[in-house]
N, C-alpha and C. Protein backbone atom coordinates (compact mmCIF):
# COMPACT_ATOMS: atom_id res chain seq x y z
N MET A 1 9.51 5.57 -2.25
CA MET A 1 8.60 5.83 -1.22
C MET A 1 8.42 4.34 -0.69
N SER A 2 8.59 4.13 0.64
CA SER A 2 8.20 2.91 1.30
C SER A 2 7.03 2.13 1.15
N THR A 3 6.74 0.87 0.94
CA THR A 3 5.21 0.64 0.64
C THR A 3 5.28 -0.59 1.38
N LEU A 4 4.22 -0.71 2.39
CA LEU A 4 3.93 -2.22 3.07
C LEU A 4 2.88 -2.54 2.49
N VAL A 5 2.84 -3.99 1.91
CA VAL A 5 1.76 -4.69 1.55
C VAL A 5 1.28 -5.71 2.41
N ILE A 6 0.03 -6.01 2.67
CA ILE A 6 -0.33 -6.78 3.68
C ILE A 6 -1.47 -7.79 3.33
N GLY A 7 -1.10 -8.97 3.42
CA GLY A 7 -2.14 -10.09 2.69
C GLY A 7 -1.51 -10.59 1.35
N GLY A 8 -1.72 -11.67 0.70
CA GLY A 8 -1.62 -12.51 -0.18
C GLY A 8 -0.17 -13.10 -0.23
N ASP A 9 -0.03 -14.45 -0.80
CA ASP A 9 1.00 -15.38 -0.52
C ASP A 9 2.04 -14.61 -1.88
N ARG A 10 1.55 -14.55 -2.83
CA ARG A 10 2.37 -14.32 -4.22
C ARG A 10 2.01 -13.23 -4.48
N ILE A 11 2.75 -11.89 -4.54
CA ILE A 11 2.49 -10.87 -4.63
C ILE A 11 3.51 -10.00 -6.09
N GLU A 12 3.83 -11.22 -6.88
CA GLU A 12 4.72 -10.45 -7.98
C GLU A 12 4.06 -9.44 -8.53
N THR A 13 2.82 -9.67 -9.00
CA THR A 13 1.90 -8.67 -9.88
C THR A 13 1.51 -7.53 -9.31
N ILE A 14 1.59 -7.59 -8.21
CA ILE A 14 1.44 -6.41 -7.15
C ILE A 14 2.72 -5.57 -7.20
N ARG A 15 3.86 -5.82 -7.04
CA ARG A 15 5.14 -5.91 -7.09
C ARG A 15 5.44 -4.97 -8.38
N ARG A 16 5.13 -5.44 -9.51
CA ARG A 16 5.15 -4.95 -10.84
C ARG A 16 4.34 -3.78 -10.92
N GLU A 17 2.90 -3.92 -10.43
CA GLU A 17 2.16 -2.64 -10.62
C GLU A 17 2.66 -1.01 -9.65
N LEU A 18 3.06 -1.68 -8.37
CA LEU A 18 3.63 -0.58 -7.53
C LEU A 18 5.23 -0.28 -8.21
N GLY A 19 5.81 -0.90 -8.93
CA GLY A 19 7.03 -0.46 -9.54
C GLY A 19 6.68 0.56 -10.77
N GLU A 20 5.75 0.57 -11.56
CA GLU A 20 5.23 1.17 -12.36
C GLU A 20 4.88 2.68 -12.13
N PHE A 21 4.51 2.75 -10.89
CA PHE A 21 4.57 4.36 -10.23
C PHE A 21 5.60 4.55 -9.47
N GLY A 22 6.76 3.78 -9.34
CA GLY A 22 7.80 4.34 -8.72
C GLY A 22 8.16 3.57 -7.50
N LEU A 23 7.22 2.85 -7.03
CA LEU A 23 7.36 2.67 -5.72
C LEU A 23 8.23 1.02 -5.65
N GLN A 24 9.47 1.15 -5.29
CA GLN A 24 10.48 0.03 -5.09
C GLN A 24 10.47 -0.49 -4.11
N ASP A 25 10.63 0.35 -2.79
CA ASP A 25 11.02 -0.40 -1.71
C ASP A 25 9.82 -0.78 -1.24
N ILE A 26 9.74 -2.15 -1.03
CA ILE A 26 8.33 -2.64 -0.79
C ILE A 26 8.48 -3.95 0.51
N GLU A 27 7.66 -3.71 1.45
CA GLU A 27 7.79 -4.84 2.53
C GLU A 27 6.49 -5.67 2.28
N HIS A 28 6.55 -6.88 2.73
CA HIS A 28 5.24 -7.65 2.55
C HIS A 28 4.97 -8.47 4.06
N TRP A 29 3.89 -8.72 4.36
CA TRP A 29 3.59 -9.36 5.32
C TRP A 29 2.35 -10.12 4.62
N ASN A 30 2.37 -11.42 4.68
CA ASN A 30 1.41 -12.43 3.92
C ASN A 30 0.25 -12.65 5.23
N GLY A 31 0.55 -12.23 6.49
CA GLY A 31 -0.50 -12.49 7.34
C GLY A 31 -0.76 -13.79 7.59
N ARG A 32 -0.01 -14.95 7.68
CA ARG A 32 -0.58 -16.56 7.68
C ARG A 32 0.01 -16.56 9.33
N LYS A 33 0.93 -15.69 9.68
CA LYS A 33 1.13 -16.15 11.36
C LYS A 33 -0.07 -15.51 11.95
N PRO A 34 -0.29 -16.04 13.17
CA PRO A 34 -0.98 -15.18 13.82
C PRO A 34 -0.52 -14.13 14.91
N ALA A 35 1.01 -13.85 14.70
CA ALA A 35 1.70 -12.99 15.27
C ALA A 35 1.60 -11.41 14.43
N ASP A 36 1.36 -11.97 12.79
CA ASP A 36 1.48 -10.69 12.08
C ASP A 36 0.36 -9.64 12.46
N SER A 37 -0.65 -9.79 13.45
CA SER A 37 -1.71 -8.77 13.66
C SER A 37 -1.27 -8.34 14.62
N ARG A 38 -0.13 -8.44 15.33
CA ARG A 38 0.15 -7.91 16.29
C ARG A 38 1.75 -7.10 16.03
N LYS A 39 2.22 -7.10 15.05
CA LYS A 39 3.29 -6.50 14.15
C LYS A 39 2.91 -4.77 14.13
N SER A 40 4.04 -4.11 14.27
CA SER A 40 3.72 -2.70 14.53
C SER A 40 4.61 -2.32 12.88
N ILE A 41 3.64 -1.51 12.54
CA ILE A 41 4.32 -0.84 10.97
C ILE A 41 5.24 -0.04 11.14
N PRO A 42 6.66 -0.43 10.43
CA PRO A 42 8.22 0.68 10.43
C PRO A 42 7.57 1.81 10.20
N GLU A 43 8.35 2.79 10.99
CA GLU A 43 8.18 4.39 10.82
C GLU A 43 8.48 4.80 9.38
N ARG A 44 9.17 3.67 8.52
CA ARG A 44 9.63 4.28 7.17
C ARG A 44 8.62 4.28 6.24
N ILE A 45 7.64 3.82 6.38
CA ILE A 45 6.28 3.04 5.50
C ILE A 45 5.79 4.48 5.21
N LYS A 46 5.36 4.83 4.00
CA LYS A 46 4.63 5.83 3.59
C LYS A 46 3.32 5.65 3.23
N LEU A 47 2.94 4.28 2.69
CA LEU A 47 1.69 3.74 1.67
C LEU A 47 1.63 2.17 2.25
N VAL A 48 0.37 2.19 2.78
CA VAL A 48 -0.04 0.65 3.14
C VAL A 48 -1.10 0.06 1.88
N VAL A 49 -0.96 -0.74 1.44
CA VAL A 49 -1.75 -1.65 0.44
C VAL A 49 -2.18 -3.14 1.18
N MET A 50 -3.39 -2.97 1.22
CA MET A 50 -4.31 -4.22 2.11
C MET A 50 -5.06 -5.04 0.94
N VAL A 51 -4.29 -6.26 0.75
CA VAL A 51 -4.92 -7.06 -0.15
C VAL A 51 -6.33 -7.97 0.41
N THR A 52 -7.29 -7.43 0.40
CA THR A 52 -8.38 -7.93 1.26
C THR A 52 -9.06 -9.22 1.31
N ASP A 53 -8.68 -9.61 -0.11
CA ASP A 53 -9.58 -11.08 -0.21
C ASP A 53 -8.33 -12.41 0.44
N GLN A 54 -7.34 -11.86 0.99
CA GLN A 54 -6.39 -13.03 1.45
C GLN A 54 -5.68 -12.16 3.02
N LEU A 55 -6.80 -11.92 3.64
CA LEU A 55 -6.20 -11.09 4.98
C LEU A 55 -7.50 -11.41 5.88
N SER A 56 -6.87 -11.64 7.33
CA SER A 56 -7.65 -12.14 8.37
C SER A 56 -8.39 -10.61 8.85
N HIS A 57 -9.58 -10.77 9.56
CA HIS A 57 -10.09 -9.68 9.80
C HIS A 57 -9.41 -9.11 11.01
N SER A 58 -8.71 -9.61 12.08
CA SER A 58 -8.06 -8.78 12.81
C SER A 58 -6.60 -8.27 12.45
N LEU A 59 -6.08 -8.89 11.35
CA LEU A 59 -5.04 -8.12 10.81
C LEU A 59 -5.64 -6.87 10.04
N LEU A 60 -6.50 -6.87 9.45
CA LEU A 60 -7.08 -5.73 8.79
C LEU A 60 -7.46 -4.85 9.68
N TYR A 61 -8.17 -5.19 10.52
CA TYR A 61 -8.08 -4.17 11.67
C TYR A 61 -7.20 -3.41 12.33
N ASN A 62 -6.46 -4.66 12.71
CA ASN A 62 -5.27 -3.80 13.47
C ASN A 62 -4.25 -2.89 12.77
N ALA A 63 -4.22 -3.41 11.39
CA ALA A 63 -3.35 -2.29 10.43
C ALA A 63 -3.84 -1.19 10.17
N THR A 64 -5.29 -1.22 9.93
CA THR A 64 -5.88 -0.06 9.50
C THR A 64 -5.71 1.02 10.93
N ILE A 65 -6.18 0.53 12.06
CA ILE A 65 -5.84 1.64 13.26
C ILE A 65 -4.63 1.96 13.12
N SER A 66 -3.68 1.22 13.02
CA SER A 66 -2.07 1.64 13.28
C SER A 66 -1.72 2.77 11.93
N SER A 67 -2.18 2.28 10.89
CA SER A 67 -2.08 3.13 9.56
C SER A 67 -2.86 4.55 10.09
N THR A 68 -3.92 4.46 10.44
CA THR A 68 -4.64 5.86 10.24
C THR A 68 -3.96 6.75 11.55
N ARG A 69 -3.54 6.19 12.42
CA ARG A 69 -2.91 6.80 13.59
C ARG A 69 -1.82 7.57 13.17
N MET A 70 -0.80 6.63 12.50
CA MET A 70 0.33 7.25 11.72
C MET A 70 -0.05 8.39 10.60
N GLY A 71 -1.09 8.24 10.35
CA GLY A 71 -1.44 9.50 9.15
C GLY A 71 -1.14 8.65 7.67
N LEU A 72 -0.88 7.57 7.43
CA LEU A 72 -0.51 6.79 6.19
C LEU A 72 -1.84 6.38 5.41
N PRO A 73 -1.67 6.79 4.03
CA PRO A 73 -2.65 6.64 3.10
C PRO A 73 -2.77 5.01 2.96
N ILE A 74 -3.99 4.33 2.94
CA ILE A 74 -4.34 2.86 2.90
C ILE A 74 -4.84 2.76 1.36
N ILE A 75 -4.62 1.51 0.85
CA ILE A 75 -5.41 1.39 -0.23
C ILE A 75 -5.76 -0.22 -0.23
N TYR A 76 -7.23 -0.27 -0.11
CA TYR A 76 -7.64 -1.55 -0.05
C TYR A 76 -7.98 -2.21 -1.59
N THR A 77 -7.57 -3.26 -1.73
CA THR A 77 -7.78 -4.00 -3.16
C THR A 77 -8.02 -5.47 -3.02
N ARG A 78 -8.42 -5.76 -4.19
CA ARG A 78 -8.38 -7.29 -4.33
C ARG A 78 -7.04 -7.87 -4.60
N ARG A 79 -6.77 -9.20 -4.97
CA ARG A 79 -5.43 -9.35 -5.77
C ARG A 79 -5.38 -9.30 -7.07
N ALA A 80 -6.58 -8.37 -7.71
CA ALA A 80 -6.36 -7.97 -9.16
C ALA A 80 -5.80 -6.56 -9.59
N ALA A 81 -4.48 -7.07 -10.55
CA ALA A 81 -3.56 -6.12 -10.73
C ALA A 81 -4.25 -4.67 -11.12
N HIS A 82 -5.55 -4.92 -12.08
CA HIS A 82 -6.09 -3.84 -12.64
C HIS A 82 -6.82 -2.96 -11.56
N GLU A 83 -7.41 -3.62 -10.43
CA GLU A 83 -7.87 -2.82 -9.55
C GLU A 83 -6.83 -1.82 -8.68
N LEU A 84 -5.54 -2.69 -8.62
CA LEU A 84 -4.60 -1.81 -7.71
C LEU A 84 -4.24 -0.50 -8.73
N ARG A 85 -3.98 -0.94 -10.16
CA ARG A 85 -3.37 -0.03 -10.88
C ARG A 85 -4.72 1.49 -10.81
N SER A 86 -5.62 1.31 -10.96
CA SER A 86 -6.71 2.11 -11.00
C SER A 86 -6.84 2.87 -9.83
N LYS A 87 -6.56 2.22 -8.58
CA LYS A 87 -6.60 3.15 -7.42
C LYS A 87 -5.12 3.77 -7.19
N LEU A 88 -4.18 3.05 -7.70
CA LEU A 88 -2.90 4.06 -7.23
C LEU A 88 -2.89 5.27 -8.29
N ALA A 89 -3.44 4.99 -9.84
CA ALA A 89 -3.66 6.35 -10.59
C ALA A 89 -4.80 7.58 -10.06
N GLU A 90 -5.89 6.87 -9.07
CA GLU A 90 -6.38 7.77 -8.36
C GLU A 90 -5.58 8.57 -7.10
N LEU A 91 -4.90 7.89 -6.84
CA LEU A 91 -3.96 8.23 -5.72
C LEU A 91 -2.92 9.26 -6.01
N TYR A 92 -2.41 8.96 -7.15
CA TYR A 92 -1.44 9.87 -7.80
C TYR A 92 -1.81 10.54 -8.73
N SER A 93 -1.91 11.51 -9.30
CA SER A 93 -2.09 12.07 -10.74
C SER A 93 -1.69 11.56 -11.62
N LYS A 94 -2.72 11.22 -12.62
CA LYS A 94 -2.65 10.42 -13.77
C LYS A 94 -1.69 11.26 -14.88
N ASN A 95 -1.77 12.43 -14.54
CA ASN A 95 -0.76 13.23 -15.67
C ASN A 95 0.74 13.27 -14.90
N LEU A 96 1.24 12.95 -13.95
CA LEU A 96 2.41 13.14 -13.35
C LEU A 96 3.60 12.22 -14.16
N PRO A 97 4.40 12.90 -14.37
CA PRO A 97 5.41 12.38 -15.32
C PRO A 97 6.24 11.44 -14.54
N LYS A 98 6.81 10.57 -15.19
CA LYS A 98 7.46 9.39 -14.32
C LYS A 98 8.96 10.02 -13.46
N PRO A 99 9.62 11.04 -13.87
CA PRO A 99 10.61 11.77 -13.21
C PRO A 99 9.80 11.95 -11.89
N ALA A 100 8.90 12.83 -11.70
CA ALA A 100 8.34 13.04 -10.51
C ALA A 100 7.78 11.89 -9.76
N LEU A 101 7.41 11.01 -10.12
CA LEU A 101 7.37 9.73 -9.40
C LEU A 101 8.56 9.39 -8.79
N MET A 102 9.75 9.06 -9.55
CA MET A 102 10.85 8.67 -8.81
C MET A 102 11.31 9.77 -7.94
N GLN A 103 11.09 10.85 -7.72
CA GLN A 103 11.13 11.81 -6.62
C GLN A 103 10.46 11.51 -5.64
N ILE A 104 9.16 10.96 -5.64
CA ILE A 104 8.22 10.84 -4.58
C ILE A 104 8.85 9.53 -4.09
N SER A 105 9.09 8.56 -5.07
CA SER A 105 9.81 7.46 -4.42
C SER A 105 10.99 7.63 -3.39
N SER A 106 11.49 8.73 -3.60
CA SER A 106 12.76 8.71 -2.90
C SER A 106 12.49 9.84 -1.72
N GLY A 107 11.22 10.05 -1.17
CA GLY A 107 10.87 10.67 0.11
C GLY A 107 10.09 11.89 -0.23
N TRP A 108 10.12 12.22 -1.38
CA TRP A 108 9.14 13.70 -1.43
C TRP A 108 7.83 13.31 -1.36
N SER A 109 7.02 14.13 -0.61
CA SER A 109 5.44 14.03 -0.32
C SER A 109 4.64 14.58 -1.51
N LEU A 110 3.44 14.23 -1.78
CA LEU A 110 2.77 14.49 -2.81
C LEU A 110 1.12 14.41 -2.17
N PRO A 111 0.31 15.77 -2.21
CA PRO A 111 -1.12 15.40 -1.67
C PRO A 111 -1.78 13.73 -2.19
N LEU A 112 -2.26 13.77 -1.21
CA LEU A 112 -2.96 12.26 -1.38
C LEU A 112 -4.55 12.41 -1.67
N ASN A 113 -5.17 11.68 -2.19
CA ASN A 113 -6.54 11.71 -2.23
C ASN A 113 -7.29 10.77 -1.13
N ALA A 114 -8.00 11.54 -0.44
CA ALA A 114 -8.21 10.69 0.85
C ALA A 114 -9.62 9.93 0.79
N SER A 115 -10.45 10.01 -0.60
CA SER A 115 -11.66 9.58 -0.92
C SER A 115 -11.09 7.82 -1.15
N LEU A 116 -9.63 7.47 -0.97
CA LEU A 116 -9.22 5.93 -1.14
C LEU A 116 -9.21 5.33 -0.02
N MET A 117 -9.49 6.13 1.01
CA MET A 117 -9.11 5.60 2.47
C MET A 117 -10.43 4.68 2.92
N SER A 118 -11.61 4.80 2.08
CA SER A 118 -12.68 4.06 2.65
C SER A 118 -12.53 2.62 2.33
N TYR A 119 -13.40 1.76 2.74
CA TYR A 119 -13.30 0.30 2.60
C TYR A 119 -14.46 -0.15 1.94
């Protein structure tokens, strides 16, 4: 499953956590350029992760509106890996075996928990 990470300069730990859940196709917008807030989210993206402690308000607002209109699940997290891990575990069932996660990453859909979409 394609994932868009918005915010943060160095996201190696975030990439590692996403990889643990079978999410390997990761696109990153660091949000440092003013034009980043006007970018449109690609159609292939299925999950949006926003690193809120390193994100401008305009980019947060625009990306949230775009993601919501596209019907994409959004995870709001700080740069802490343990916080992202717990939110991913809520999003995807903890009891889901690794092969099933790999199938999800190749395009299959899974019912998502809407409670994570609150900010």
